[in-house]
Amino acid sequence: MSSPIIDEINRQNLKDDLPEMHIGDTMKVHVRIKEGEKERVQVYAGTLIARDGSSATETITVRRISHGVGVERVFPLHSPYLAKIEIIASTHVRRAKLYYLRDRVGKKTRLREKIR
């Protein structure tokens, strides 16, 4: 039961330049980071394991292995801190959430690449 005013504000803040992404895609997420007065863009590369929410509250969860430890990060898709998203590779998956990758180590985490 949201009001039409809130719906209109949410509609104005939606990004329209997001690429088409699917679960299992390998991607680079460019994030704006403020450090004091300076602002820079940091790239976070990993596998898309989950999408949650809808419209203005939609988030994606990206997982990568850093120094042998699995690291997951949740990004709000329509945040102004999200500079851009690049899709590197697409894979064939049969699930909507790839949380099972958390329990896998090494070569077992590989996903079958889609033939384009």
C-alpha atoms as a PDB file:
ATOM      1  CA  MET A   1       0.000   0.000   0.000  1.00  0.00           C
ATOM      2  CA  SER A   2       2.445   2.654  -1.104  1.00  0.00           C
ATOM      3  CA  SER A   3       1.265   6.095  -2.047  1.00  0.00           C
ATOM      4  CA  PRO A   4       1.464   7.417  -5.613  1.00  0.00           C
ATOM      5  CA  ILE A   5       3.903  10.120  -4.453  1.00  0.00           C
ATOM      6  CA  ILE A   6       6.421   7.552  -3.216  1.00  0.00           C
ATOM      7  CA  ASP A   7       5.957   5.504  -6.398  1.00  0.00           C
ATOM      8  CA  GLU A   8       6.701   8.577  -8.526  1.00  0.00           C
ATOM      9  CA  ILE A   9       9.863   9.405  -6.549  1.00  0.00           C
ATOM     10  CA  ASN A  10      11.062   5.800  -6.893  1.00  0.00           C
ATOM     11  CA  ARG A  11      10.348   5.855 -10.635  1.00  0.00           C
ATOM     12  CA  GLN A  12      12.438   9.025 -11.091  1.00  0.00           C
ATOM     13  CA  ASN A  13      15.458   7.472  -9.341  1.00  0.00           C
ATOM     14  CA  LEU A  14      15.542   4.237 -11.344  1.00  0.00           C
ATOM     15  CA  LYS A  15      18.551   3.701 -13.615  1.00  0.00           C
ATOM     16  CA  ASP A  16      17.805   2.875 -17.218  1.00  0.00           C
ATOM     17  CA  ASP A  17      21.364   2.059 -18.377  1.00  0.00           C
ATOM     18  CA  LEU A  18      21.725  -1.279 -16.562  1.00  0.00           C
ATOM     19  CA  PRO A  19      22.778  -4.238 -18.730  1.00  0.00           C
ATOM     20  CA  GLU A  20      20.706  -7.408 -18.947  1.00  0.00           C
ATOM     21  CA  MET A  21      22.177  -9.697 -16.304  1.00  0.00           C
ATOM     22  CA  HIS A  22      21.360 -13.206 -15.228  1.00  0.00           C
ATOM     23  CA  ILE A  23      22.299 -15.403 -12.300  1.00  0.00           C
ATOM     24  CA  GLY A  24      25.699 -17.004 -12.880  1.00  0.00           C
ATOM     25  CA  ASP A  25      27.111 -14.133 -14.948  1.00  0.00           C
ATOM     26  CA  THR A  26      30.684 -13.087 -14.273  1.00  0.00           C
ATOM     27  CA  MET A  27      30.717  -9.315 -13.977  1.00  0.00           C
ATOM     28  CA  LYS A  28      32.674  -6.239 -13.006  1.00  0.00           C
ATOM     29  CA  VAL A  29      30.829  -3.798 -10.756  1.00  0.00           C
ATOM     30  CA  HIS A  30      32.283  -0.268 -10.724  1.00  0.00           C
ATOM     31  CA  VAL A  31      31.574   1.386  -7.353  1.00  0.00           C
ATOM     32  CA  ARG A  32      32.173   5.024  -6.430  1.00  0.00           C
ATOM     33  CA  ILE A  33      34.034   5.344  -3.114  1.00  0.00           C
ATOM     34  CA  LYS A  34      34.479   8.577  -1.169  1.00  0.00           C
ATOM     35  CA  GLU A  35      37.635   8.904   0.887  1.00  0.00           C
ATOM     36  CA  GLY A  36      37.611  12.260   2.632  1.00  0.00           C
ATOM     37  CA  GLU A  37      37.325  14.888  -0.094  1.00  0.00           C
ATOM     38  CA  LYS A  38      38.339  12.560  -2.938  1.00  0.00           C
ATOM     39  CA  GLU A  39      36.129  10.217  -4.892  1.00  0.00           C
ATOM     40  CA  ARG A  40      37.376   7.245  -6.897  1.00  0.00           C
ATOM     41  CA  VAL A  41      35.934   4.229  -8.703  1.00  0.00           C
ATOM     42  CA  GLN A  42      36.765   0.753  -7.423  1.00  0.00           C
ATOM     43  CA  VAL A  43      36.108  -2.358  -9.513  1.00  0.00           C
ATOM     44  CA  TYR A  44      34.659  -5.455  -7.831  1.00  0.00           C
ATOM     45  CA  ALA A  45      34.716  -8.530 -10.090  1.00  0.00           C
ATOM     46  CA  GLY A  46      32.846 -11.742  -9.298  1.00  0.00           C
ATOM     47  CA  THR A  47      29.913 -14.030 -10.020  1.00  0.00           C
ATOM     48  CA  LEU A  48      26.298 -12.930  -9.664  1.00  0.00           C
ATOM     49  CA  ILE A  49      24.755 -15.405  -7.216  1.00  0.00           C
ATOM     50  CA  ALA A  50      21.462 -13.687  -6.267  1.00  0.00           C
ATOM     51  CA  ARG A  51      18.996 -10.949  -7.188  1.00  0.00           C
ATOM     52  CA  ASP A  52      16.528  -9.688  -4.602  1.00  0.00           C
ATOM     53  CA  GLY A  53      13.794  -7.073  -4.443  1.00  0.00           C
ATOM     54  CA  SER A  54      12.153  -5.150  -7.234  1.00  0.00           C
ATOM     55  CA  SER A  55      12.194  -1.674  -8.786  1.00  0.00           C
ATOM     56  CA  ALA A  56      13.992   0.853  -6.550  1.00  0.00           C
ATOM     57  CA  THR A  57      14.902  -1.669  -3.840  1.00  0.00           C
ATOM     58  CA  GLU A  58      16.462  -4.287  -6.130  1.00  0.00           C
ATOM     59  CA  THR A  59      19.848  -5.643  -5.024  1.00  0.00           C
ATOM     60  CA  ILE A  60      22.394  -8.055  -6.457  1.00  0.00           C
ATOM     61  CA  THR A  61      24.822 -10.265  -4.560  1.00  0.00           C
ATOM     62  CA  VAL A  62      28.240 -10.743  -6.160  1.00  0.00           C
ATOM     63  CA  ARG A  63      30.697 -13.366  -4.889  1.00  0.00           C
ATOM     64  CA  ARG A  64      34.412 -13.685  -5.504  1.00  0.00           C
ATOM     65  CA  ILE A  65      37.389 -15.461  -3.982  1.00  0.00           C
ATOM     66  CA  SER A  66      39.942 -13.084  -2.484  1.00  0.00           C
ATOM     67  CA  HIS A  67      43.180 -14.544  -1.058  1.00  0.00           C
ATOM     68  CA  GLY A  68      41.529 -17.950  -0.704  1.00  0.00           C
ATOM     69  CA  VAL A  69      38.496 -16.609   1.180  1.00  0.00           C
ATOM     70  CA  GLY A  70      35.034 -16.238  -0.335  1.00  0.00           C
ATOM     71  CA  VAL A  71      33.773 -12.653  -0.207  1.00  0.00           C
ATOM     72  CA  GLU A  72      30.205 -11.629  -1.007  1.00  0.00           C
ATOM     73  CA  ARG A  73      29.001  -8.099  -1.460  1.00  0.00           C
ATOM     74  CA  VAL A  74      25.452  -6.816  -1.880  1.00  0.00           C
ATOM     75  CA  PHE A  75      24.924  -3.869  -4.229  1.00  0.00           C
ATOM     76  CA  PRO A  76      21.716  -1.814  -4.540  1.00  0.00           C
ATOM     77  CA  LEU A  77      21.160  -1.675  -8.299  1.00  0.00           C
ATOM     78  CA  HIS A  78      19.744   1.850  -8.442  1.00  0.00           C
ATOM     79  CA  SER A  79      22.204   3.447  -6.017  1.00  0.00           C
ATOM     80  CA  PRO A  80      24.059   6.579  -7.162  1.00  0.00           C
ATOM     81  CA  TYR A  81      27.275   4.957  -5.889  1.00  0.00           C
ATOM     82  CA  LEU A  82      27.044   2.263  -8.572  1.00  0.00           C
ATOM     83  CA  ALA A  83      28.956   3.710 -11.537  1.00  0.00           C
ATOM     84  CA  LYS A  84      28.457   0.893 -14.054  1.00  0.00           C
ATOM     85  CA  ILE A  85      28.210  -2.863 -14.492  1.00  0.00           C
ATOM     86  CA  GLU A  86      30.103  -4.854 -17.129  1.00  0.00           C
ATOM     87  CA  ILE A  87      29.146  -8.412 -18.029  1.00  0.00           C
ATOM     88  CA  ILE A  88      32.292 -10.464 -18.741  1.00  0.00           C
ATOM     89  CA  ALA A  89      30.865 -13.964 -19.278  1.00  0.00           C
ATOM     90  CA  SER A  90      27.562 -15.785 -19.046  1.00  0.00           C
ATOM     91  CA  THR A  91      27.127 -19.273 -17.682  1.00  0.00           C
ATOM     92  CA  HIS A  92      24.427 -21.913 -17.848  1.00  0.00           C
ATOM     93  CA  VAL A  93      22.752 -22.401 -14.472  1.00  0.00           C
ATOM     94  CA  ARG A  94      19.547 -24.134 -13.410  1.00  0.00           C
ATOM     95  CA  ARG A  95      18.815 -22.265 -10.203  1.00  0.00           C
ATOM     96  CA  ALA A  96      17.642 -18.790  -9.214  1.00  0.00           C
ATOM     97  CA  LYS A  97      20.138 -18.510  -6.330  1.00  0.00           C
ATOM     98  CA  LEU A  98      23.644 -19.958  -6.362  1.00  0.00           C
ATOM     99  CA  TYR A  99      24.146 -20.108  -2.599  1.00  0.00           C
ATOM    100  CA  TYR A 100      25.507 -23.647  -2.964  1.00  0.00           C
ATOM    101  CA  LEU A 101      28.761 -22.122  -4.277  1.00  0.00           C
ATOM    102  CA  ARG A 102      29.541 -21.075  -0.702  1.00  0.00           C
ATOM    103  CA  ASP A 103      30.249 -24.698   0.211  1.00  0.00           C
ATOM    104  CA  ARG A 104      32.384 -25.469  -2.845  1.00  0.00           C
ATOM    105  CA  VAL A 105      36.152 -25.010  -3.064  1.00  0.00           C
ATOM    106  CA  GLY A 106      38.547 -24.884  -6.003  1.00  0.00           C
ATOM    107  CA  LYS A 107      37.568 -26.395  -9.334  1.00  0.00           C
ATOM    108  CA  LYS A 108      34.165 -27.441  -7.994  1.00  0.00           C
ATOM    109  CA  THR A 109      33.042 -23.804  -8.150  1.00  0.00           C
ATOM    110  CA  ARG A 110      33.326 -23.675 -11.937  1.00  0.00           C
ATOM    111  CA  LEU A 111      30.131 -23.038 -13.870  1.00  0.00           C
ATOM    112  CA  ARG A 112      29.508 -24.191 -17.450  1.00  0.00           C
ATOM    113  CA  GLU A 113      29.908 -21.284 -19.858  1.00  0.00           C
ATOM    114  CA  LYS A 114      27.105 -20.416 -22.264  1.00  0.00           C
ATOM    115  CA  ILE A 115      27.871 -20.659 -25.942  1.00  0.00           C
ATOM    116  CA  ARG A 116      26.970 -17.360 -27.547  1.00  0.00           C
END
